[in-house]
Protein backbone atom coordinates (compact mmCIF):
# COMPACT_ATOMS: atom_id res chain seq x y z
CA SER A 1 -13.06 -5.57 -3.15
CA LYS A 2 -16.04 -3.95 -1.41
CA ASP A 3 -14.13 -0.64 -1.16
CA LEU A 4 -13.33 -0.70 -4.87
CA LYS A 5 -16.90 -1.62 -5.76
CA GLY A 6 -18.23 1.19 -3.56
CA ALA A 7 -15.83 3.70 -5.08
CA MET A 8 -16.87 2.61 -8.58
CA GLU A 9 -20.57 3.02 -7.71
CA THR A 10 -19.84 6.53 -6.41
CA LEU A 11 -18.00 7.48 -9.60
CA ILE A 12 -20.82 6.12 -11.77
CA ASP A 13 -23.37 8.06 -9.72
CA GLN A 14 -21.31 11.22 -10.20
CA LYS A 15 -21.16 10.56 -13.95
CA ARG A 16 -24.93 9.97 -14.02
CA GLN A 17 -25.52 13.31 -12.24
CA LYS A 18 -23.17 15.12 -14.62
CA LEU A 19 -24.97 13.67 -17.65
CA SER A 20 -28.29 14.91 -16.31
CA THR A 21 -27.03 18.51 -16.17
CA VAL A 22 -24.98 18.92 -19.36
CA GLU A 23 -26.33 20.92 -22.28
CA LYS A 24 -24.56 18.99 -25.06
CA LEU A 25 -24.51 15.24 -24.58
CA ASP A 26 -22.26 14.56 -27.56
CA GLU A 27 -19.31 16.12 -25.72
CA HIS A 28 -19.74 13.65 -22.85
CA MET A 29 -20.50 10.41 -24.69
CA ASP A 30 -17.96 7.87 -23.57
CA PHE A 31 -18.09 4.21 -22.57
CA ALA A 32 -19.55 4.89 -19.12
CA SER A 33 -22.17 7.23 -20.60
CA GLN A 34 -23.26 4.60 -23.10
CA LEU A 35 -23.64 2.07 -20.27
CA ILE A 36 -25.68 4.52 -18.20
CA PHE A 37 -28.01 5.20 -21.13
CA ALA A 38 -28.35 1.46 -21.74
CA GLN A 39 -29.47 1.14 -18.12
CA ASN A 40 -31.93 4.01 -18.58
CA ARG A 41 -33.43 2.17 -21.58
CA GLY A 42 -33.73 -1.01 -19.52
CA ASP A 43 -31.08 -2.91 -21.49
CA LEU A 44 -28.77 -3.22 -18.46
CA THR A 45 -29.18 -3.27 -14.70
CA ALA A 46 -27.26 -0.98 -12.34
CA GLU A 47 -25.20 -4.02 -11.33
CA ASN A 48 -24.37 -4.68 -15.03
CA VAL A 49 -23.16 -1.10 -15.43
CA ASN A 50 -21.06 -1.22 -12.26
CA GLN A 51 -19.53 -4.57 -13.24
CA CYS A 52 -18.66 -3.43 -16.78
CA VAL A 53 -16.93 -0.27 -15.59
CA LEU A 54 -15.11 -2.15 -12.82
CA GLU A 55 -13.86 -4.78 -15.27
CA MET A 56 -12.65 -2.10 -17.67
CA MET A 57 -10.74 -0.37 -14.86
CA ILE A 58 -9.12 -3.61 -13.73
CA ALA A 59 -8.39 -5.03 -17.20
CA ALA A 60 -7.12 -1.86 -18.87
CA PRO A 61 -3.60 -1.78 -17.32
CA ASP A 62 -2.89 -5.39 -18.35
CA THR A 63 -4.21 -4.86 -21.86
CA LEU A 64 -2.28 -1.63 -22.25
CA SER A 65 1.00 -3.10 -21.02
CA VAL A 66 0.78 -6.07 -23.41
CA THR A 67 -0.11 -3.79 -26.33
CA LEU A 68 2.80 -1.45 -25.58
CA PHE A 69 5.19 -4.40 -25.25
CA PHE A 70 4.29 -5.75 -28.70
CA MET A 71 4.32 -2.26 -30.21
CA LEU A 72 7.87 -1.71 -28.95
CA ILE A 73 8.98 -5.10 -30.32
CA LEU A 74 7.50 -4.25 -33.74
CA ILE A 75 9.18 -0.84 -33.76
CA ALA A 76 12.52 -2.45 -32.85
CA GLU A 77 12.11 -4.96 -35.70
CA HIS A 78 11.35 -2.22 -38.24
CA PRO A 79 14.01 0.51 -38.00
CA THR A 80 12.63 2.48 -40.95
CA VAL A 81 9.31 2.83 -39.13
CA GLU A 82 11.19 3.95 -36.00
CA GLU A 83 13.02 6.58 -38.05
CA GLU A 84 9.75 7.84 -39.53
CA MET A 85 8.22 8.05 -36.05
CA MET A 86 11.22 10.01 -34.75
CA ARG A 87 10.99 12.44 -37.70
CA GLU A 88 7.29 13.00 -37.00
CA ILE A 89 7.92 13.54 -33.28
CA GLU A 90 10.66 16.06 -34.10
CA ALA A 91 8.34 17.81 -36.59
CA VAL A 92 5.63 18.18 -33.95
CA VAL A 93 7.68 18.71 -30.79
CA GLY A 94 10.81 20.27 -32.28
CA LYS A 95 14.21 19.84 -30.69
CA GLN A 96 12.99 20.23 -27.12
CA GLU A 97 13.59 17.29 -24.84
CA LEU A 98 10.69 14.85 -24.47
CA GLN A 99 9.24 14.41 -21.00
CA ALA A 100 7.13 11.61 -19.58
């Protein structure tokens, strides 16, 4: 837990340094950036920022897997939607084989 927390603090520090040197902020405005700016304004502490990012990193895989599971169930229950999705994939990708 301490190793993960330390790694997260390092990544946030790197992000903070990058934000201080970029010319166009709008190209770098993501969740972590918003948290860092909230800390700069005094709305959050450094510990708040670290905890938020850490929780997002830990929670994201579970949330994503559940979302994908239900998405696949819904697609399986609606074959016309699946057919439309396959047509769109073929229109964009062509006949080449899909790769993960």
